[in-house]
All heavy atoms as atom14 arrays in JSON, in Angstrom:
{
  "sequence": "HLIEPMGFQINEKQVKRAGLDYWDKLDYTVYESYPDFLARNPGAKIY",
  "atom14_mask": [
    [1, 1, 1, 1, 1, 1, 1, 1, 1, 1, 0, 0, 0, 0],
    [1, 1, 1, 1, 1, 1, 1, 1, 0, 0, 0, 0, 0, 0],
    [1, 1, 1, 1, 1, 1, 1, 1, 0, 0, 0, 0, 0, 0],
    [1, 1, 1, 1, 1, 1, 1, 1, 1, 0, 0, 0, 0, 0],
    [1, 1, 1, 1, 1, 1, 1, 0, 0, 0, 0, 0, 0, 0],
    [1, 1, 1, 1, 1, 1, 1, 1, 0, 0, 0, 0, 0, 0],
    [1, 1, 1, 1, 0, 0, 0, 0, 0, 0, 0, 0, 0, 0],
    [1, 1, 1, 1, 1, 1, 1, 1, 1, 1, 1, 0, 0, 0],
    [1, 1, 1, 1, 1, 1, 1, 1, 1, 0, 0, 0, 0, 0],
    [1, 1, 1, 1, 1, 1, 1, 1, 0, 0, 0, 0, 0, 0],
    [1, 1, 1, 1, 1, 1, 1, 1, 0, 0, 0, 0, 0, 0],
    [1, 1, 1, 1, 1, 1, 1, 1, 1, 0, 0, 0, 0, 0],
    [1, 1, 1, 1, 1, 1, 1, 1, 1, 0, 0, 0, 0, 0],
    [1, 1, 1, 1, 1, 1, 1, 1, 1, 0, 0, 0, 0, 0],
    [1, 1, 1, 1, 1, 1, 1, 0, 0, 0, 0, 0, 0, 0],
    [1, 1, 1, 1, 1, 1, 1, 1, 1, 0, 0, 0, 0, 0],
    [1, 1, 1, 1, 1, 1, 1, 1, 1, 1, 1, 0, 0, 0],
    [1, 1, 1, 1, 1, 0, 0, 0, 0, 0, 0, 0, 0, 0],
    [1, 1, 1, 1, 0, 0, 0, 0, 0, 0, 0, 0, 0, 0],
    [1, 1, 1, 1, 1, 1, 1, 1, 0, 0, 0, 0, 0, 0],
    [1, 1, 1, 1, 1, 1, 1, 1, 0, 0, 0, 0, 0, 0],
    [1, 1, 1, 1, 1, 1, 1, 1, 1, 1, 1, 1, 0, 0],
    [1, 1, 1, 1, 1, 1, 1, 1, 1, 1, 1, 1, 1, 1],
    [1, 1, 1, 1, 1, 1, 1, 1, 0, 0, 0, 0, 0, 0],
    [1, 1, 1, 1, 1, 1, 1, 1, 1, 0, 0, 0, 0, 0],
    [1, 1, 1, 1, 1, 1, 1, 1, 0, 0, 0, 0, 0, 0],
    [1, 1, 1, 1, 1, 1, 1, 1, 0, 0, 0, 0, 0, 0],
    [1, 1, 1, 1, 1, 1, 1, 1, 1, 1, 1, 1, 0, 0],
    [1, 1, 1, 1, 1, 1, 1, 0, 0, 0, 0, 0, 0, 0],
    [1, 1, 1, 1, 1, 1, 1, 0, 0, 0, 0, 0, 0, 0],
    [1, 1, 1, 1, 1, 1, 1, 1, 1, 1, 1, 1, 0, 0],
    [1, 1, 1, 1, 1, 1, 1, 1, 1, 0, 0, 0, 0, 0],
    [1, 1, 1, 1, 1, 1, 0, 0, 0, 0, 0, 0, 0, 0],
    [1, 1, 1, 1, 1, 1, 1, 1, 1, 1, 1, 1, 0, 0],
    [1, 1, 1, 1, 1, 1, 1, 0, 0, 0, 0, 0, 0, 0],
    [1, 1, 1, 1, 1, 1, 1, 1, 0, 0, 0, 0, 0, 0],
    [1, 1, 1, 1, 1, 1, 1, 1, 1, 1, 1, 0, 0, 0],
    [1, 1, 1, 1, 1, 1, 1, 1, 0, 0, 0, 0, 0, 0],
    [1, 1, 1, 1, 1, 0, 0, 0, 0, 0, 0, 0, 0, 0],
    [1, 1, 1, 1, 1, 1, 1, 1, 1, 1, 1, 0, 0, 0],
    [1, 1, 1, 1, 1, 1, 1, 1, 0, 0, 0, 0, 0, 0],
    [1, 1, 1, 1, 1, 1, 1, 0, 0, 0, 0, 0, 0, 0],
    [1, 1, 1, 1, 0, 0, 0, 0, 0, 0, 0, 0, 0, 0],
    [1, 1, 1, 1, 1, 0, 0, 0, 0, 0, 0, 0, 0, 0],
    [1, 1, 1, 1, 1, 1, 1, 1, 1, 0, 0, 0, 0, 0],
    [1, 1, 1, 1, 1, 1, 1, 1, 0, 0, 0, 0, 0, 0],
    [1, 1, 1, 1, 1, 1, 1, 1, 1, 1, 1, 1, 0, 0]
  ],
  "atom14_positions": [
    [[-106.28, -13.45, -29.72], [-106.43, -13.75, -28.27], [-105.05, -13.29, -27.7], [-104.02, -13.82, -28.11], [-106.62, -15.19, -27.91], [-107.88, -15.69, -28.53], [-109.05, -15.88, -27.87], [-108.13, -16.25, -29.83], [-110.03, -16.35, -28.7], [-109.46, -16.57, -29.89], [0.0, 0.0, 0.0], [0.0, 0.0, 0.0], [0.0, 0.0, 0.0], [0.0, 0.0, 0.0]],
    [[-105.08, -12.32, -26.77], [-103.9, -11.82, -26.2], [-103.77, -12.18, -24.75], [-104.66, -11.86, -23.93], [-103.88, -10.26, -26.34], [-103.94, -9.74, -27.69], [-104.23, -8.22, -27.78], [-102.64, -9.98, -28.49], [0.0, 0.0, 0.0], [0.0, 0.0, 0.0], [0.0, 0.0, 0.0], [0.0, 0.0, 0.0], [0.0, 0.0, 0.0], [0.0, 0.0, 0.0]],
    [[-102.74, -12.78, -24.28], [-102.54, -13.26, -22.94], [-101.5, -12.47, -22.18], [-100.39, -12.31, -22.6], [-102.17, -14.72, -22.87], [-103.21, -15.64, -23.52], [-101.93, -15.2, -21.4], [-102.82, -17.04, -23.78], [0.0, 0.0, 0.0], [0.0, 0.0, 0.0], [0.0, 0.0, 0.0], [0.0, 0.0, 0.0], [0.0, 0.0, 0.0], [0.0, 0.0, 0.0]],
    [[-101.93, -11.77, -21.14], [-101.15, -10.99, -20.32], [-100.16, -11.8, -19.47], [-100.5, -13.03, -19.2], [-102.0, -10.05, -19.44], [-102.8, -9.07, -20.26], [-103.66, -8.13, -19.35], [-104.19, -8.59, -18.32], [-103.64, -6.94, -19.71], [0.0, 0.0, 0.0], [0.0, 0.0, 0.0], [0.0, 0.0, 0.0], [0.0, 0.0, 0.0], [0.0, 0.0, 0.0]],
    [[-99.07, -11.14, -18.92], [-98.69, -9.81, -19.15], [-98.16, -9.49, -20.49], [-97.46, -10.35, -21.13], [-97.65, -9.57, -18.03], [-97.01, -10.92, -17.86], [-98.12, -11.91, -18.04], [0.0, 0.0, 0.0], [0.0, 0.0, 0.0], [0.0, 0.0, 0.0], [0.0, 0.0, 0.0], [0.0, 0.0, 0.0], [0.0, 0.0, 0.0], [0.0, 0.0, 0.0]],
    [[-98.5, -8.27, -21.02], [-97.93, -7.89, -22.32], [-96.9, -6.79, -22.02], [-96.98, -6.04, -21.08], [-99.0, -7.39, -23.23], [-100.03, -8.41, -23.56], [-101.32, -7.87, -24.76], [-102.39, -6.95, -23.68], [0.0, 0.0, 0.0], [0.0, 0.0, 0.0], [0.0, 0.0, 0.0], [0.0, 0.0, 0.0], [0.0, 0.0, 0.0], [0.0, 0.0, 0.0]],
    [[-96.0, -6.49, -23.05], [-95.02, -5.48, -22.92], [-95.43, -4.12, -23.3], [-94.67, -3.24, -23.46], [0.0, 0.0, 0.0], [0.0, 0.0, 0.0], [0.0, 0.0, 0.0], [0.0, 0.0, 0.0], [0.0, 0.0, 0.0], [0.0, 0.0, 0.0], [0.0, 0.0, 0.0], [0.0, 0.0, 0.0], [0.0, 0.0, 0.0], [0.0, 0.0, 0.0]],
    [[-96.76, -3.85, -23.34], [-97.4, -2.59, -23.7], [-98.83, -2.52, -23.37], [-99.36, -3.61, -22.97], [-97.22, -2.47, -25.29], [-97.73, -3.62, -26.04], [-99.1, -3.68, -26.45], [-96.98, -4.76, -26.38], [-99.62, -4.75, -27.03], [-97.45, -5.83, -27.01], [-98.78, -5.85, -27.33], [0.0, 0.0, 0.0], [0.0, 0.0, 0.0], [0.0, 0.0, 0.0]],
    [[-99.43, -1.43, -23.54], [-100.84, -1.33, -23.33], [-101.55, -1.43, -24.72], [-101.04, -0.91, -25.69], [-101.2, 0.06, -22.65], [-100.66, 0.14, -21.23], [-101.24, -0.84, -20.24], [-102.44, -1.07, -20.3], [-100.32, -1.53, -19.55], [0.0, 0.0, 0.0], [0.0, 0.0, 0.0], [0.0, 0.0, 0.0], [0.0, 0.0, 0.0], [0.0, 0.0, 0.0]],
    [[-102.72, -2.01, -24.72], [-103.39, -2.27, -26.0], [-103.72, -0.94, -26.74], [-103.9, -1.0, -27.91], [-104.58, -3.19, -25.74], [-104.99, -3.91, -27.02], [-105.8, -2.43, -25.28], [-103.98, -4.93, -27.41], [0.0, 0.0, 0.0], [0.0, 0.0, 0.0], [0.0, 0.0, 0.0], [0.0, 0.0, 0.0], [0.0, 0.0, 0.0], [0.0, 0.0, 0.0]],
    [[-103.85, 0.1, -26.02], [-104.2, 1.36, -26.64], [-103.03, 2.17, -27.09], [-103.23, 3.31, -27.55], [-105.22, 2.14, -25.68], [-104.44, 2.55, -24.45], [-103.34, 2.14, -24.2], [-105.22, 3.2, -23.58], [0.0, 0.0, 0.0], [0.0, 0.0, 0.0], [0.0, 0.0, 0.0], [0.0, 0.0, 0.0], [0.0, 0.0, 0.0], [0.0, 0.0, 0.0]],
    [[-101.89, 1.62, -26.97], [-100.69, 2.42, -27.35], [-100.71, 2.86, -28.86], [-101.14, 2.07, -29.65], [-99.39, 1.63, -27.01], [-98.94, 1.83, -25.65], [-97.59, 1.1, -25.48], [-96.81, 1.06, -26.43], [-97.3, 0.74, -24.33], [0.0, 0.0, 0.0], [0.0, 0.0, 0.0], [0.0, 0.0, 0.0], [0.0, 0.0, 0.0], [0.0, 0.0, 0.0]],
    [[-100.2, 4.03, -29.15], [-100.17, 4.45, -30.5], [-99.47, 3.48, -31.46], [-99.9, 3.33, -32.64], [-99.38, 5.81, -30.56], [-100.24, 6.92, -30.1], [-99.51, 8.25, -30.46], [-99.54, 9.16, -29.2], [-98.69, 10.32, -29.35], [0.0, 0.0, 0.0], [0.0, 0.0, 0.0], [0.0, 0.0, 0.0], [0.0, 0.0, 0.0], [0.0, 0.0, 0.0]],
    [[-98.42, 2.83, -30.92], [-97.61, 1.93, -31.85], [-98.43, 0.82, -32.32], [-98.31, 0.4, -33.47], [-96.38, 1.41, -31.1], [-95.33, 2.45, -30.72], [-94.38, 1.9, -29.73], [-94.85, 1.56, -28.54], [-93.16, 1.86, -30.05], [0.0, 0.0, 0.0], [0.0, 0.0, 0.0], [0.0, 0.0, 0.0], [0.0, 0.0, 0.0], [0.0, 0.0, 0.0]],
    [[-99.32, 0.23, -31.43], [-100.15, -0.88, -31.9], [-101.13, -0.45, -32.89], [-101.3, -1.03, -33.92], [-100.87, -1.43, -30.64], [-101.88, -2.5, -31.07], [-99.99, -1.98, -29.65], [0.0, 0.0, 0.0], [0.0, 0.0, 0.0], [0.0, 0.0, 0.0], [0.0, 0.0, 0.0], [0.0, 0.0, 0.0], [0.0, 0.0, 0.0], [0.0, 0.0, 0.0]],
    [[-101.78, 0.71, -32.65], [-102.8, 1.22, -33.59], [-102.04, 1.6, -34.98], [-102.59, 1.38, -35.99], [-103.5, 2.36, -33.05], [-104.34, 1.86, -31.94], [-105.37, 2.87, -31.42], [-106.32, 2.31, -30.46], [-106.88, 3.14, -29.53], [0.0, 0.0, 0.0], [0.0, 0.0, 0.0], [0.0, 0.0, 0.0], [0.0, 0.0, 0.0], [0.0, 0.0, 0.0]],
    [[-100.89, 2.19, -34.84], [-100.14, 2.54, -35.99], [-99.79, 1.25, -36.92], [-99.95, 1.29, -38.09], [-98.86, 3.28, -35.71], [-98.2, 3.9, -36.91], [-96.99, 4.65, -36.57], [-97.13, 5.68, -35.59], [-96.35, 5.72, -34.47], [-95.31, 4.97, -34.33], [-96.61, 6.64, -33.57], [0.0, 0.0, 0.0], [0.0, 0.0, 0.0], [0.0, 0.0, 0.0]],
    [[-99.31, 0.24, -36.24], [-98.92, -0.99, -36.9], [-100.16, -1.65, -37.53], [-100.16, -2.24, -38.62], [-98.24, -1.89, -36.02], [0.0, 0.0, 0.0], [0.0, 0.0, 0.0], [0.0, 0.0, 0.0], [0.0, 0.0, 0.0], [0.0, 0.0, 0.0], [0.0, 0.0, 0.0], [0.0, 0.0, 0.0], [0.0, 0.0, 0.0], [0.0, 0.0, 0.0]],
    [[-101.35, -1.59, -36.87], [-102.61, -2.15, -37.38], [-103.37, -1.21, -38.21], [-104.33, -1.58, -38.85], [0.0, 0.0, 0.0], [0.0, 0.0, 0.0], [0.0, 0.0, 0.0], [0.0, 0.0, 0.0], [0.0, 0.0, 0.0], [0.0, 0.0, 0.0], [0.0, 0.0, 0.0], [0.0, 0.0, 0.0], [0.0, 0.0, 0.0], [0.0, 0.0, 0.0]],
    [[-102.81, 0.0, -38.39], [-103.45, 1.01, -39.26], [-104.88, 1.28, -38.83], [-105.22, 1.28, -37.68], [-103.21, 0.65, -40.74], [-101.68, 0.68, -41.09], [-101.54, 0.23, -42.49], [-101.06, 2.12, -40.97], [0.0, 0.0, 0.0], [0.0, 0.0, 0.0], [0.0, 0.0, 0.0], [0.0, 0.0, 0.0], [0.0, 0.0, 0.0], [0.0, 0.0, 0.0]],
    [[-105.7, 1.42, -39.84], [-107.1, 1.69, -39.56], [-107.93, 0.43, -39.39], [-109.2, 0.46, -39.39], [-107.74, 2.56, -40.74], [-107.57, 1.91, -42.12], [-106.81, 0.91, -42.19], [-108.23, 2.31, -43.04], [0.0, 0.0, 0.0], [0.0, 0.0, 0.0], [0.0, 0.0, 0.0], [0.0, 0.0, 0.0], [0.0, 0.0, 0.0], [0.0, 0.0, 0.0]],
    [[-107.28, -0.7, -39.22], [-107.98, -1.96, -39.09], [-108.28, -2.4, -37.66], [-109.11, -3.23, -37.47], [-107.17, -3.1, -39.68], [-106.93, -3.02, -41.16], [-105.95, -2.22, -41.79], [-107.86, -3.6, -42.06], [-105.84, -2.07, -43.17], [-107.81, -3.51, -43.41], [-106.81, -2.76, -43.96], [-106.62, -2.64, -45.3], [0.0, 0.0, 0.0], [0.0, 0.0, 0.0]],
    [[-107.62, -1.72, -36.67], [-107.72, -2.17, -35.36], [-109.19, -2.27, -34.77], [-109.53, -3.11, -34.11], [-106.81, -1.27, -34.35], [-106.55, -2.0, -33.08], [-107.08, -1.61, -31.91], [-105.7, -3.04, -32.85], [-106.61, -2.44, -30.93], [-105.75, -3.38, -31.53], [-104.85, -3.85, -33.67], [-105.09, -4.36, -30.85], [-104.13, -4.88, -33.11], [-104.28, -5.19, -31.67]],
    [[-109.99, -1.23, -35.17], [-111.39, -1.23, -34.75], [-112.21, -2.31, -35.33], [-113.35, -2.63, -34.9], [-112.01, 0.14, -35.03], [-112.1, 0.42, -36.55], [-111.29, -0.07, -37.28], [-112.97, 1.22, -36.96], [0.0, 0.0, 0.0], [0.0, 0.0, 0.0], [0.0, 0.0, 0.0], [0.0, 0.0, 0.0], [0.0, 0.0, 0.0], [0.0, 0.0, 0.0]],
    [[-111.72, -2.98, -36.35], [-112.46, -4.12, -37.05], [-111.97, -5.44, -36.44], [-112.49, -6.55, -36.82], [-112.22, -4.14, -38.52], [-112.78, -2.9, -39.18], [-112.38, -2.81, -40.66], [-112.93, -1.61, -41.38], [-112.44, -0.36, -40.88], [0.0, 0.0, 0.0], [0.0, 0.0, 0.0], [0.0, 0.0, 0.0], [0.0, 0.0, 0.0], [0.0, 0.0, 0.0]],
    [[-110.93, -5.45, -35.53], [-110.37, -6.71, -35.0], [-111.18, -7.29, -33.94], [-111.68, -6.58, -33.02], [-109.0, -6.31, -34.51], [-108.27, -7.45, -33.87], [-107.94, -8.57, -34.84], [-106.89, -6.95, -33.2], [0.0, 0.0, 0.0], [0.0, 0.0, 0.0], [0.0, 0.0, 0.0], [0.0, 0.0, 0.0], [0.0, 0.0, 0.0], [0.0, 0.0, 0.0]],
    [[-111.48, -8.53, -34.06], [-112.11, -9.34, -33.02], [-111.08, -9.91, -32.05], [-110.35, -10.87, -32.43], [-112.89, -10.47, -33.64], [-113.65, -11.39, -32.68], [-113.55, -11.22, -31.43], [-114.36, -12.29, -33.11], [0.0, 0.0, 0.0], [0.0, 0.0, 0.0], [0.0, 0.0, 0.0], [0.0, 0.0, 0.0], [0.0, 0.0, 0.0], [0.0, 0.0, 0.0]],
    [[-110.9, -9.24, -30.86], [-109.79, -9.72, -29.97], [-110.33, -9.73, -28.53], [-111.3, -9.1, -28.13], [-108.58, -8.8, -30.11], [-108.77, -7.38, -29.47], [-108.28, -7.2, -28.2], [-109.25, -6.43, -30.16], [-108.41, -5.91, -27.63], [-109.33, -5.08, -29.69], [-108.89, -4.85, -28.41], [-109.02, -3.67, -27.84], [0.0, 0.0, 0.0], [0.0, 0.0, 0.0]],
    [[-109.65, -10.62, -27.76], [-109.91, -10.75, -26.4], [-108.64, -10.76, -25.6], [-107.57, -11.32, -26.06], [-110.62, -12.18, -26.09], [-111.79, -12.24, -26.93], [-111.13, -12.31, -24.66], [0.0, 0.0, 0.0], [0.0, 0.0, 0.0], [0.0, 0.0, 0.0], [0.0, 0.0, 0.0], [0.0, 0.0, 0.0], [0.0, 0.0, 0.0], [0.0, 0.0, 0.0]],
    [[-108.63, -10.09, -24.43], [-107.42, -10.1, -23.61], [-107.65, -10.97, -22.37], [-108.81, -10.9, -21.7], [-107.07, -8.62, -23.15], [-105.9, -8.64, -22.26], [-106.89, -7.78, -24.38], [0.0, 0.0, 0.0], [0.0, 0.0, 0.0], [0.0, 0.0, 0.0], [0.0, 0.0, 0.0], [0.0, 0.0, 0.0], [0.0, 0.0, 0.0], [0.0, 0.0, 0.0]],
    [[-106.74, -11.69, -22.0], [-106.82, -12.71, -20.89], [-105.73, -12.24, -19.8], [-104.66, -11.84, -20.12], [-106.58, -14.09, -21.26], [-107.54, -14.6, -22.36], [-107.19, -14.28, -23.68], [-108.7, -15.19, -22.11], [-108.07, -14.75, -24.73], [-109.57, -15.56, -23.03], [-109.31, -15.37, -24.41], [-110.16, -15.74, -25.38], [0.0, 0.0, 0.0], [0.0, 0.0, 0.0]],
    [[-106.11, -12.52, -18.55], [-105.21, -12.21, -17.43], [-104.0, -13.11, -17.42], [-102.89, -12.67, -16.92], [-105.94, -12.32, -16.15], [-106.99, -11.29, -15.89], [-107.71, -11.53, -14.53], [-107.27, -12.29, -13.74], [-108.75, -10.9, -14.38], [0.0, 0.0, 0.0], [0.0, 0.0, 0.0], [0.0, 0.0, 0.0], [0.0, 0.0, 0.0], [0.0, 0.0, 0.0]],
    [[-104.15, -14.34, -17.86], [-103.02, -15.36, -17.8], [-103.34, -16.53, -18.68], [-104.46, -16.61, -19.21], [-102.92, -15.84, -16.34], [-104.17, -16.53, -15.99], [0.0, 0.0, 0.0], [0.0, 0.0, 0.0], [0.0, 0.0, 0.0], [0.0, 0.0, 0.0], [0.0, 0.0, 0.0], [0.0, 0.0, 0.0], [0.0, 0.0, 0.0], [0.0, 0.0, 0.0]],
    [[-102.43, -17.4, -18.84], [-102.62, -18.6, -19.62], [-103.69, -19.47, -18.99], [-104.61, -19.96, -19.72], [-101.23, -19.39, -19.69], [-101.39, -20.65, -20.57], [-101.74, -20.66, -21.89], [-101.15, -21.85, -19.94], [-101.79, -21.86, -22.6], [-101.17, -23.09, -20.64], [-101.52, -23.03, -21.94], [-101.59, -24.16, -22.65], [0.0, 0.0, 0.0], [0.0, 0.0, 0.0]],
    [[-103.72, -19.69, -17.71], [-104.87, -20.45, -17.11], [-106.25, -19.78, -17.35], [-107.18, -20.43, -17.59], [-104.55, -20.5, -15.56], [-103.05, -20.39, -15.52], [-102.69, -19.47, -16.66], [0.0, 0.0, 0.0], [0.0, 0.0, 0.0], [0.0, 0.0, 0.0], [0.0, 0.0, 0.0], [0.0, 0.0, 0.0], [0.0, 0.0, 0.0], [0.0, 0.0, 0.0]],
    [[-106.28, -18.49, -17.31], [-107.51, -17.7, -17.67], [-107.91, -18.07, -19.09], [-109.08, -18.28, -19.41], [-107.31, -16.2, -17.44], [-108.54, -15.4, -17.81], [-109.69, -15.88, -17.47], [-108.39, -14.28, -18.35], [0.0, 0.0, 0.0], [0.0, 0.0, 0.0], [0.0, 0.0, 0.0], [0.0, 0.0, 0.0], [0.0, 0.0, 0.0], [0.0, 0.0, 0.0]],
    [[-107.01, -18.07, -20.05], [-107.23, -18.36, -21.43], [-107.77, -19.74, -21.55], [-108.87, -19.93, -22.24], [-105.99, -18.2, -22.23], [-106.12, -18.81, -23.62], [-106.83, -18.23, -24.66], [-105.56, -20.11, -23.89], [-107.03, -18.8, -25.91], [-105.71, -20.73, -25.07], [-106.39, -20.07, -26.12], [0.0, 0.0, 0.0], [0.0, 0.0, 0.0], [0.0, 0.0, 0.0]],
    [[-107.17, -20.77, -20.91], [-107.62, -22.13, -20.99], [-109.06, -22.23, -20.36], [-109.92, -22.96, -20.96], [-106.73, -23.03, -20.25], [-105.27, -23.27, -20.81], [-104.47, -24.11, -19.97], [-105.42, -23.84, -22.27], [0.0, 0.0, 0.0], [0.0, 0.0, 0.0], [0.0, 0.0, 0.0], [0.0, 0.0, 0.0], [0.0, 0.0, 0.0], [0.0, 0.0, 0.0]],
    [[-109.32, -21.63, -19.28], [-110.61, -21.63, -18.57], [-111.7, -21.1, -19.47], [-112.88, -21.58, -19.51], [-110.61, -20.98, -17.29], [0.0, 0.0, 0.0], [0.0, 0.0, 0.0], [0.0, 0.0, 0.0], [0.0, 0.0, 0.0], [0.0, 0.0, 0.0], [0.0, 0.0, 0.0], [0.0, 0.0, 0.0], [0.0, 0.0, 0.0], [0.0, 0.0, 0.0]],
    [[-111.42, -19.98, -20.2], [-112.47, -19.3, -20.99], [-112.55, -19.91, -22.37], [-113.45, -19.52, -23.21], [-112.1, -17.86, -21.07], [-112.35, -17.16, -19.73], [-111.76, -15.77, -19.61], [-112.26, -14.82, -20.63], [-111.77, -13.65, -20.7], [-110.85, -13.2, -19.9], [-112.34, -12.81, -21.58], [0.0, 0.0, 0.0], [0.0, 0.0, 0.0], [0.0, 0.0, 0.0]],
    [[-111.74, -20.85, -22.72], [-111.69, -21.57, -24.08], [-111.64, -23.07, -23.86], [-110.7, -23.73, -24.39], [-110.69, -21.06, -24.97], [-110.82, -19.59, -25.36], [-111.65, -19.18, -26.19], [-110.1, -18.75, -24.68], [0.0, 0.0, 0.0], [0.0, 0.0, 0.0], [0.0, 0.0, 0.0], [0.0, 0.0, 0.0], [0.0, 0.0, 0.0], [0.0, 0.0, 0.0]],
    [[-112.68, -23.67, -23.16], [-112.48, -25.1, -22.82], [-112.6, -25.97, -24.1], [-113.34, -25.68, -25.02], [-113.79, -25.34, -21.92], [-114.67, -24.27, -22.3], [-113.84, -23.11, -22.66], [0.0, 0.0, 0.0], [0.0, 0.0, 0.0], [0.0, 0.0, 0.0], [0.0, 0.0, 0.0], [0.0, 0.0, 0.0], [0.0, 0.0, 0.0], [0.0, 0.0, 0.0]],
    [[-111.78, -26.94, -24.11], [-111.76, -27.78, -25.25], [-111.1, -27.31, -26.56], [-111.22, -27.93, -27.63], [0.0, 0.0, 0.0], [0.0, 0.0, 0.0], [0.0, 0.0, 0.0], [0.0, 0.0, 0.0], [0.0, 0.0, 0.0], [0.0, 0.0, 0.0], [0.0, 0.0, 0.0], [0.0, 0.0, 0.0], [0.0, 0.0, 0.0], [0.0, 0.0, 0.0]],
    [[-110.41, -26.19, -26.4], [-109.86, -25.57, -27.62], [-108.71, -26.54, -28.18], [-107.9, -27.07, -27.35], [-109.28, -24.19, -27.2], [0.0, 0.0, 0.0], [0.0, 0.0, 0.0], [0.0, 0.0, 0.0], [0.0, 0.0, 0.0], [0.0, 0.0, 0.0], [0.0, 0.0, 0.0], [0.0, 0.0, 0.0], [0.0, 0.0, 0.0], [0.0, 0.0, 0.0]],
    [[-108.72, -26.69, -29.44], [-107.64, -27.48, -30.11], [-106.51, -26.43, -30.43], [-106.71, -25.62, -31.23], [-108.15, -28.05, -31.42], [-107.12, -28.83, -32.19], [-106.69, -30.09, -31.47], [-105.73, -30.91, -32.33], [-105.24, -32.18, -31.66], [0.0, 0.0, 0.0], [0.0, 0.0, 0.0], [0.0, 0.0, 0.0], [0.0, 0.0, 0.0], [0.0, 0.0, 0.0]],
    [[-105.39, -26.53, -29.66], [-104.32, -25.59, -29.71], [-103.12, -26.14, -30.43], [-102.62, -27.23, -29.94], [-103.94, -25.04, -28.33], [-105.18, -24.51, -27.67], [-102.91, -23.98, -28.37], [-104.97, -24.21, -26.15], [0.0, 0.0, 0.0], [0.0, 0.0, 0.0], [0.0, 0.0, 0.0], [0.0, 0.0, 0.0], [0.0, 0.0, 0.0], [0.0, 0.0, 0.0]],
    [[-102.56, -25.49, -31.42], [-101.32, -25.81, -31.97], [-100.38, -24.77, -31.5], [-100.62, -23.55, -31.68], [-101.49, -25.91, -33.52], [-102.37, -27.02, -34.06], [-103.69, -26.65, -34.23], [-101.83, -28.29, -34.22], [-104.57, -27.75, -34.65], [-102.71, -29.24, -34.55], [-104.01, -29.01, -34.82], [-104.88, -29.99, -35.26], [0.0, 0.0, 0.0], [0.0, 0.0, 0.0]]
  ]
}
């Protein structure tokens, strides 16, 4: 789960290079903000 703002765009070469050929297998979600994350994951047990 990635919460914006981020210091890069998710499609940047550096991200894909670091994740190698695994990025297309990644289950990920991008959120506009921390409140957006909380709203979309109600009751989440967060450490």
